[in-house]
Protein backbone atom coordinates (compact mmCIF):
# COMPACT_ATOMS: atom_id res chain seq x y z
CA MET A 1 -63.39 0.42 -5.40
CA THR A 2 -62.91 -1.27 -8.76
CA ASP A 3 -63.24 -5.05 -8.65
CA LEU A 4 -60.37 -6.46 -10.70
CA ALA A 5 -59.64 -10.12 -11.43
CA ILE A 6 -56.66 -11.72 -13.13
CA ILE A 7 -56.99 -15.25 -14.55
CA THR A 8 -53.77 -17.14 -15.18
CA GLU A 9 -52.34 -20.64 -15.36
CA GLU A 10 -48.95 -19.43 -14.10
CA PHE A 11 -48.08 -17.27 -11.11
CA ARG A 12 -45.11 -16.55 -8.87
CA PRO A 13 -43.71 -18.23 -6.90
CA SER A 14 -43.28 -21.07 -9.40
CA LYS A 15 -40.86 -22.46 -11.95
CA LYS A 16 -42.99 -21.11 -14.78
CA GLY A 17 -41.95 -18.46 -17.30
CA GLY A 18 -42.83 -14.98 -18.44
CA ILE A 19 -46.61 -15.15 -17.97
CA ALA A 20 -46.12 -16.04 -14.29
CA THR A 21 -43.94 -12.95 -13.85
CA TRP A 22 -46.37 -10.78 -15.83
CA ALA A 23 -49.41 -11.88 -13.81
CA HIS A 24 -47.64 -11.52 -10.47
CA GLY A 25 -46.33 -8.08 -11.35
CA LEU A 26 -49.75 -6.75 -12.33
CA ALA A 27 -51.35 -8.26 -9.23
CA LEU A 28 -48.83 -6.48 -7.00
CA TYR A 29 -49.14 -3.20 -8.89
CA PHE A 30 -52.92 -3.00 -8.59
CA GLY A 31 -53.11 -4.77 -5.23
CA GLU A 32 -51.00 -2.07 -3.61
CA LYS A 33 -53.36 0.66 -4.83
CA ASN A 34 -56.26 1.49 -2.54
CA GLU A 35 -58.78 1.94 -5.36
CA TYR A 36 -58.65 -1.69 -6.52
CA ASN A 37 -60.00 -4.87 -5.01
CA VAL A 38 -57.83 -7.50 -6.71
CA THR A 39 -58.51 -11.23 -6.98
CA VAL A 40 -56.14 -13.63 -8.74
CA PHE A 41 -57.41 -16.97 -10.06
CA VAL A 42 -54.52 -19.36 -10.72
CA LYS A 43 -54.26 -23.03 -11.60
CA LYS A 44 -53.50 -24.92 -8.40
CA ARG A 45 -51.55 -27.91 -9.69
CA GLY A 46 -48.32 -26.83 -11.38
CA GLY A 47 -49.28 -23.18 -11.62
CA ILE A 48 -47.89 -21.95 -8.30
CA ASN A 49 -45.58 -23.15 -5.53
CA GLN A 50 -47.76 -22.97 -2.45
CA LYS A 51 -44.92 -23.94 -0.08
CA THR A 52 -43.05 -20.67 -0.67
CA LEU A 53 -46.12 -18.48 -0.97
CA SER A 54 -45.99 -15.31 1.11
CA PRO A 55 -48.67 -15.14 3.85
CA LYS A 56 -49.09 -11.40 3.26
CA LEU A 57 -50.38 -10.51 -0.17
CA PRO A 58 -52.11 -7.29 -1.32
CA PHE A 59 -54.67 -9.33 -3.24
CA LYS A 60 -56.93 -12.33 -2.80
CA LEU A 61 -55.62 -15.57 -4.28
CA ILE A 62 -57.98 -18.34 -5.41
CA LEU A 63 -56.42 -21.66 -6.44
CA MET A 64 -58.34 -23.51 -9.15
CA GLY A 65 -58.23 -27.28 -8.95
CA GLY A 66 -59.15 -29.87 -11.55
CA ARG A 67 -57.77 -32.88 -13.36
CA ASP A 68 -56.85 -32.96 -17.05
CA TRP A 69 -56.51 -29.18 -16.93
CA SER A 70 -55.35 -28.77 -20.52
CA LYS A 71 -58.47 -30.56 -21.75
CA PHE A 72 -61.09 -29.04 -19.45
CA LYS A 73 -59.62 -25.65 -18.45
CA LYS A 74 -62.48 -23.72 -20.07
CA TRP A 75 -64.99 -25.44 -17.81
CA TYR A 76 -62.87 -25.01 -14.69
CA ILE A 77 -62.58 -21.29 -15.40
CA SER A 78 -66.34 -21.13 -15.91
CA TYR A 79 -66.94 -22.86 -12.58
CA TYR A 80 -64.54 -20.79 -10.47
CA LEU A 81 -65.41 -17.42 -11.98
CA LYS A 82 -69.20 -17.73 -11.86
CA LYS A 83 -69.68 -16.69 -8.23
CA TYR A 84 -67.11 -13.93 -8.58
CA ILE A 85 -68.90 -12.43 -11.58
CA GLN A 86 -72.28 -12.73 -9.87
CA LYS A 87 -71.19 -11.07 -6.62
CA SER A 88 -68.80 -8.43 -7.93
CA GLN A 89 -69.84 -4.94 -8.94
CA ASN A 90 -69.18 -4.57 -12.68
CA PRO A 91 -65.75 -6.21 -12.45
CA VAL A 92 -62.92 -5.89 -14.94
CA ILE A 93 -61.38 -9.28 -15.71
CA ILE A 94 -57.92 -9.69 -17.24
CA SER A 95 -57.35 -13.07 -18.86
CA ALA A 96 -53.68 -13.99 -19.30
CA THR A 97 -54.48 -15.91 -22.51
CA TRP A 98 -57.33 -16.18 -24.96
CA GLU A 99 -57.79 -19.86 -24.09
CA LEU A 100 -58.63 -19.00 -20.48
CA ALA A 101 -60.99 -16.23 -21.59
CA GLN A 102 -63.20 -18.82 -23.28
CA GLY A 103 -64.42 -19.94 -19.87
CA ILE A 104 -66.30 -16.73 -19.11
CA LEU A 105 -67.72 -15.83 -22.51
CA ARG A 106 -70.90 -17.69 -21.62
CA TYR A 107 -71.60 -15.07 -18.90
CA LYS A 108 -71.14 -12.08 -21.20
CA LYS A 109 -74.80 -11.58 -22.05
CA LYS A 110 -76.10 -12.29 -18.54
CA TYR A 111 -73.79 -10.33 -16.21
CA PRO A 112 -72.11 -6.91 -16.49
CA PHE A 113 -68.32 -7.19 -16.62
CA SER A 114 -65.48 -6.14 -18.90
CA LEU A 115 -63.04 -8.63 -20.38
CA ILE A 116 -59.44 -7.77 -21.25
CA THR A 117 -57.71 -10.55 -23.18
CA ILE A 118 -53.91 -10.65 -23.34
CA LEU A 119 -52.05 -12.21 -26.26
CA HIS A 120 -48.42 -13.08 -25.47
CA GLY A 121 -47.21 -14.95 -28.53
CA LEU A 122 -46.97 -18.73 -28.65
CA GLU A 123 -50.67 -19.29 -27.95
CA VAL A 124 -51.40 -17.17 -31.04
CA THR A 125 -48.70 -18.19 -33.53
CA ARG A 126 -49.25 -21.90 -33.02
CA LEU A 127 -52.76 -21.47 -34.44
CA ASN A 128 -51.01 -21.42 -37.82
CA SER A 129 -49.88 -25.02 -37.30
CA GLN A 130 -51.81 -28.07 -38.42
CA LYS A 131 -52.09 -29.28 -34.84
CA TYR A 132 -53.87 -26.17 -33.55
CA ASN A 133 -55.57 -24.53 -36.53
CA LYS A 134 -58.91 -26.13 -35.61
CA ARG A 135 -59.02 -23.71 -32.68
CA ILE A 136 -59.08 -20.62 -34.88
CA PRO A 137 -62.89 -20.16 -34.68
CA GLN A 138 -62.65 -20.24 -30.87
CA PHE A 139 -59.86 -17.66 -30.97
CA GLN A 140 -61.91 -15.42 -33.25
CA ASN A 141 -64.88 -15.72 -30.90
CA VAL A 142 -62.80 -14.58 -27.91
CA LEU A 143 -61.52 -11.55 -29.81
CA LYS A 144 -65.07 -10.69 -30.85
CA TYR A 145 -66.44 -10.61 -27.29
CA SER A 146 -63.42 -9.08 -25.52
CA ASN A 147 -63.83 -5.45 -24.51
CA GLN A 148 -60.12 -4.89 -24.98
CA ILE A 149 -57.38 -6.96 -26.61
CA ILE A 150 -53.76 -6.36 -25.63
CA THR A 151 -50.68 -7.88 -27.23
CA VAL A 152 -47.19 -7.72 -25.72
CA SER A 153 -45.47 -7.06 -29.06
CA ASN A 154 -46.26 -5.71 -32.51
CA TYR A 155 -45.30 -9.10 -33.93
CA THR A 156 -48.01 -10.83 -31.90
CA LYS A 157 -50.46 -8.09 -32.89
CA MET A 158 -49.87 -8.68 -36.59
CA GLU A 159 -50.19 -12.45 -36.13
CA ALA A 160 -53.45 -12.00 -34.21
CA LEU A 161 -54.90 -9.73 -36.89
CA SER A 162 -53.96 -12.15 -39.67
CA ILE A 163 -55.67 -15.03 -37.85
CA GLY A 164 -58.49 -13.33 -35.97
CA GLY A 165 -59.62 -10.67 -38.39
CA ASP A 166 -60.03 -6.92 -37.95
CA HIS A 167 -60.11 -5.96 -34.28
CA LYS A 168 -58.93 -3.04 -32.18
CA ILE A 169 -55.75 -4.32 -30.58
CA GLU A 170 -53.38 -2.30 -28.42
CA THR A 171 -49.75 -3.26 -27.86
CA ILE A 172 -48.46 -2.90 -24.30
CA PRO A 173 -45.05 -4.51 -23.86
CA ASN A 174 -43.96 -6.69 -20.99
CA PHE A 175 -42.38 -4.96 -18.03
CA VAL A 176 -39.60 -5.25 -15.47
CA ASP A 177 -39.99 -4.58 -11.77
CA THR A 178 -36.98 -2.35 -11.25
CA ASN A 179 -37.25 -2.95 -7.50
CA ASP A 180 -36.15 -6.51 -8.24
CA PHE A 181 -33.69 -5.95 -11.10
CA TYR A 182 -30.92 -3.33 -10.92
CA PRO A 183 -27.12 -3.13 -11.25
CA GLU A 184 -24.98 -4.65 -8.52
CA SER A 185 -21.29 -5.38 -8.00
CA LYS A 186 -20.12 -7.88 -10.62
CA THR A 187 -17.34 -8.99 -8.30
CA ASN A 188 -19.71 -9.82 -5.45
CA CYS A 189 -22.23 -11.52 -7.72
CA ARG A 190 -19.57 -13.73 -9.28
CA ARG A 191 -18.29 -14.61 -5.85
CA HIS A 192 -21.82 -15.66 -4.91
CA PHE A 193 -21.93 -18.19 -7.77
CA LYS A 194 -18.23 -19.10 -7.43
CA PHE A 195 -17.50 -17.84 -10.95
CA ASP A 196 -13.95 -16.93 -11.95
CA GLN A 197 -13.52 -13.14 -11.80
CA ASN A 198 -11.41 -13.14 -14.99
CA GLU A 199 -13.81 -15.07 -17.22
CA LYS A 200 -15.86 -13.52 -20.00
CA ILE A 201 -19.34 -14.79 -19.17
CA LEU A 202 -22.30 -15.24 -21.49
CA LEU A 203 -25.66 -16.14 -19.95
CA THR A 204 -28.91 -17.63 -21.21
CA LEU A 205 -31.68 -17.84 -18.60
CA SER A 206 -34.75 -19.55 -20.03
CA ARG A 207 -36.70 -22.75 -20.28
CA LEU A 208 -34.50 -25.44 -21.75
CA VAL A 209 -36.25 -25.89 -25.09
CA LYS A 210 -34.82 -26.03 -28.60
CA ARG A 211 -36.35 -22.79 -29.89
CA LYS A 212 -34.30 -20.79 -27.37
CA GLY A 213 -31.24 -21.52 -29.52
CA HIS A 214 -28.66 -22.65 -26.96
CA ALA A 215 -27.03 -24.86 -29.58
CA ILE A 216 -26.38 -21.86 -31.86
CA VAL A 217 -24.47 -20.11 -29.08
CA ILE A 218 -22.47 -23.27 -28.31
CA ASN A 219 -21.55 -23.58 -31.99
CA ALA A 220 -20.35 -19.97 -31.92
CA LEU A 221 -18.02 -20.53 -28.95
CA PRO A 222 -15.01 -22.15 -30.69
CA ALA A 223 -14.47 -19.01 -32.79
CA VAL A 224 -14.95 -16.75 -29.76
CA LYS A 225 -12.54 -18.93 -27.79
CA GLU A 226 -9.76 -18.18 -30.26
CA THR A 227 -9.78 -14.56 -29.11
CA PHE A 228 -11.04 -15.08 -25.56
CA PRO A 229 -9.85 -18.46 -24.20
CA ASN A 230 -11.49 -17.62 -20.88
CA ILE A 231 -15.01 -17.51 -22.39
CA LYS A 232 -17.71 -19.18 -20.29
CA TYR A 233 -21.29 -19.84 -21.41
CA VAL A 234 -23.70 -20.25 -18.47
CA ILE A 235 -26.98 -21.99 -19.29
CA ALA A 236 -29.61 -21.54 -16.56
CA GLY A 237 -33.06 -23.11 -16.49
CA ASP A 238 -34.87 -26.45 -16.60
CA GLY A 239 -36.92 -28.04 -19.33
CA ASP A 240 -36.57 -30.74 -21.98
CA GLN A 241 -34.09 -33.26 -20.58
CA SER A 242 -33.48 -34.95 -23.92
CA TYR A 243 -32.58 -31.57 -25.39
CA LYS A 244 -30.25 -30.95 -22.46
CA GLU A 245 -28.45 -34.21 -23.23
CA GLU A 246 -28.12 -33.16 -26.87
CA LEU A 247 -26.52 -29.90 -25.78
CA LYS A 248 -24.12 -31.71 -23.45
CA GLN A 249 -23.13 -34.04 -26.27
CA LEU A 250 -22.49 -31.03 -28.53
CA VAL A 251 -20.30 -29.49 -25.84
CA VAL A 252 -18.22 -32.68 -25.69
CA GLU A 253 -17.93 -32.91 -29.47
CA LEU A 254 -16.60 -29.34 -29.65
CA GLY A 255 -14.25 -29.80 -26.70
CA LEU A 256 -15.96 -27.09 -24.67
CA GLU A 257 -16.42 -28.92 -21.37
CA SER A 258 -14.54 -26.20 -19.46
CA ASN A 259 -16.40 -23.41 -21.28
CA VAL A 260 -20.06 -24.37 -20.80
CA LEU A 261 -21.83 -24.60 -17.44
CA PHE A 262 -25.36 -25.95 -16.89
CA LEU A 263 -26.77 -24.36 -13.73
CA GLY A 264 -30.27 -25.82 -13.79
CA TYR A 265 -33.24 -24.02 -12.23
CA ILE A 266 -32.51 -20.60 -10.75
CA HIS A 267 -34.82 -19.31 -8.02
CA GLU A 268 -36.43 -15.93 -8.57
CA ASN A 269 -34.45 -14.25 -5.80
CA GLN A 270 -31.20 -15.38 -7.45
CA LYS A 271 -31.89 -14.02 -10.92
CA ARG A 272 -30.71 -10.46 -10.30
CA LEU A 273 -27.40 -11.76 -8.94
CA LEU A 274 -26.97 -14.06 -11.92
CA TYR A 275 -27.62 -11.31 -14.47
CA ASN A 276 -25.12 -9.06 -12.71
CA ALA A 277 -22.52 -11.84 -12.66
CA CYS A 278 -22.43 -12.07 -16.46
CA ASP A 279 -21.01 -9.80 -19.16
CA ILE A 280 -23.52 -10.44 -21.94
CA TYR A 281 -27.01 -11.88 -21.90
CA ILE A 282 -27.75 -13.89 -25.04
CA MET A 283 -30.75 -15.82 -26.32
CA ASN A 284 -30.54 -16.97 -29.92
CA SER A 285 -34.25 -17.65 -30.39
CA MET A 286 -35.23 -19.46 -33.57
CA ALA A 287 -37.79 -18.30 -36.09
CA THR A 288 -41.36 -19.59 -35.83
CA ASN A 289 -41.34 -23.28 -36.80
CA GLU A 290 -43.91 -25.66 -38.26
CA LYS A 291 -45.44 -26.09 -34.80
CA GLY A 292 -46.00 -22.36 -34.48
CA ASP A 293 -43.47 -21.98 -31.67
CA SER A 294 -42.18 -18.42 -31.43
CA GLU A 295 -40.68 -15.84 -29.10
CA GLY A 296 -43.51 -13.46 -28.28
CA PHE A 297 -41.34 -10.87 -26.55
CA GLY A 298 -38.37 -12.01 -24.44
CA ILE A 299 -38.68 -10.43 -20.99
CA THR A 300 -35.29 -11.79 -19.89
CA PHE A 301 -33.60 -9.35 -22.28
CA LEU A 302 -35.07 -6.45 -20.33
CA GLU A 303 -34.36 -8.01 -16.93
CA ALA A 304 -30.69 -8.24 -17.94
CA ASN A 305 -30.81 -4.67 -19.30
CA ALA A 306 -32.18 -3.41 -15.98
CA CYS A 307 -29.00 -4.81 -14.40
CA GLY A 308 -26.86 -2.93 -16.92
CA ILE A 309 -26.07 -5.98 -19.05
CA PRO A 310 -25.95 -5.63 -22.87
CA VAL A 311 -27.96 -8.31 -24.69
CA ILE A 312 -27.78 -10.24 -27.94
CA GLY A 313 -31.02 -11.52 -29.50
CA THR A 314 -32.38 -12.50 -32.87
CA THR A 315 -34.65 -10.83 -35.39
CA SER A 316 -37.30 -13.40 -34.54
CA GLY A 317 -40.85 -13.05 -33.27
CA GLY A 318 -41.46 -10.11 -30.95
CA ILE A 319 -37.85 -9.66 -29.83
CA GLY A 320 -37.69 -6.45 -31.85
CA ASN A 321 -39.94 -4.87 -29.20
CA ALA A 322 -37.48 -5.82 -26.47
CA ILE A 323 -34.20 -5.01 -28.25
CA LYS A 324 -33.31 -1.88 -30.18
CA ASN A 325 -30.15 -2.66 -32.13
CA ARG A 326 -27.02 -0.92 -30.79
CA VAL A 327 -29.09 0.84 -28.14
CA ASN A 328 -29.63 -1.84 -25.49
CA GLY A 329 -28.04 -4.74 -27.36
CA LEU A 330 -27.24 -6.29 -30.71
CA MET A 331 -29.53 -8.26 -32.99
CA VAL A 332 -28.49 -11.16 -35.22
CA SER A 333 -30.23 -13.51 -37.62
CA PRO A 334 -31.66 -16.74 -36.15
CA ASN A 335 -29.64 -19.93 -36.64
CA SER A 336 -26.42 -18.06 -37.43
CA PRO A 337 -23.37 -19.06 -35.36
CA VAL A 338 -21.22 -16.71 -37.48
CA GLU A 339 -23.35 -13.61 -36.77
CA THR A 340 -23.56 -14.67 -33.14
CA THR A 341 -19.78 -14.94 -32.91
CA ASN A 342 -19.34 -11.51 -34.50
CA ALA A 343 -21.83 -9.88 -32.13
CA ILE A 344 -20.10 -11.36 -29.07
CA LEU A 345 -16.70 -10.21 -30.31
CA ASP A 346 -18.05 -6.75 -31.16
CA LEU A 347 -19.16 -6.21 -27.56
CA PHE A 348 -16.02 -7.65 -26.00
CA ASN A 349 -13.60 -5.83 -28.33
CA ASP A 350 -15.29 -2.43 -28.28
CA SER A 351 -15.25 -1.15 -24.70
CA PRO A 352 -16.86 2.24 -25.52
CA LEU A 353 -19.72 0.47 -27.33
CA TYR A 354 -20.17 -1.95 -24.42
CA SER A 355 -20.28 0.90 -21.87
CA GLU A 356 -22.64 2.98 -24.00
CA ILE A 357 -25.09 0.10 -24.42
CA SER A 358 -24.87 -0.80 -20.73
CA LEU A 359 -25.84 2.71 -19.63
CA SER A 360 -28.49 3.08 -22.31
CA ALA A 361 -30.02 -0.27 -21.37
CA VAL A 362 -30.71 0.76 -17.77
CA SER A 363 -32.13 4.12 -18.82
CA ARG A 364 -34.36 2.56 -21.49
CA VAL A 365 -35.88 0.04 -19.08
CA ASN A 366 -36.53 2.67 -16.42
CA LYS A 367 -38.23 5.01 -18.89
CA GLN A 368 -40.15 2.60 -21.10
CA PHE A 369 -40.48 -0.82 -19.49
CA SER A 370 -40.71 -0.38 -15.72
CA LEU A 371 -43.68 -1.90 -13.91
CA SER A 372 -44.84 1.55 -12.83
CA HIS A 373 -44.77 2.85 -16.41
CA ILE A 374 -46.53 -0.16 -17.97
CA GLY A 375 -48.90 -0.46 -15.02
CA GLU A 376 -50.18 3.05 -15.75
CA LYS A 377 -51.06 1.99 -19.30
CA TYR A 378 -53.14 -0.91 -17.96
CA GLN A 379 -54.69 1.38 -15.38
CA GLN A 380 -55.88 3.79 -18.06
CA ILE A 381 -57.59 0.99 -19.98
CA ILE A 382 -59.19 -0.47 -16.86
CA SER A 383 -60.47 2.95 -15.79
CA SER A 384 -62.00 3.60 -19.20
CA LEU A 385 -63.75 0.22 -19.25
CA TYR A 386 -65.03 0.58 -15.71
CA THR A 387 -66.33 4.11 -16.37
CA SER A 388 -68.05 3.07 -19.60
CA GLN A 389 -70.18 0.54 -17.69
CA TRP A 390 -71.88 3.26 -15.68
């Protein structure tokens, strides 16, 4: 059997974002295959919700403790992985970020193992900022000693190459577990959330942070409301409370109290129902800012697509890998309420276009972004690395 480890700071069940979903999905995919012996190393405090953890898992889970994690994570990784590397037979280790990979570089010359480093987006693009650019030499060192580097979008790949130098990098996009996300009755799903059956519903499901662009959508609503008075914008997710108050104030200023709903945190097992309850999924992500914040991919676009929901996103970051314009959704410029308004109206006013995109979205996810399809790509890389060690 191939010894396979996944190192991550985020893992399901938790309130974390896309990396948690990515790590959990890969762990399940390989854990359910007989030829892999899978171990997941995850940050204990804040990285996983132990209270709702399933007692039956097809992989071994090791919780990594430690105070001041952000400051000392490299040393905690080094401590927890040492015995695993020593006792395992030529293991393949997947690090969810380059920062975590730093912790095992010290063992590279002493023990036989292969390192796959994943680059998602934000942890790369923020290296361009003044706050983080001192870490560039460390980033370059990780790329140098990784056996394989994988980015989740072409955008992240180009950013990594511009910062890290010339390396062989493969792009493997994020995935959707189509056993968890699929079309369901809109009527039943709306009834579940007590939504009005006659409303036109927009949804954003994300961390509540400024770069997700909620304010742009809110600013687009008055013009949409002129044509569709029954428009409802549902904002789901937790995050920056001061930003949430700013959004609520904007809603009041525009007189949209009856048109905007803040749902707060949505549990994983409720997400499919929420996607199916809406008409359009929208996330107006902003362009990379001075802090290096960016949208590396946007997995929620594909989760909505898997449920047959057309999406609207921006031409920012790696979203172009998730959305193909007029195939599974529409793309608009960042920070443009006018373009956002027009895209919403285009989908609502053109029923044939809406239906075409809805059908195409499900087919596209099943063919190109399912966990089984993407999992095979990872499996090919892991097999080649494991074989090359012998």
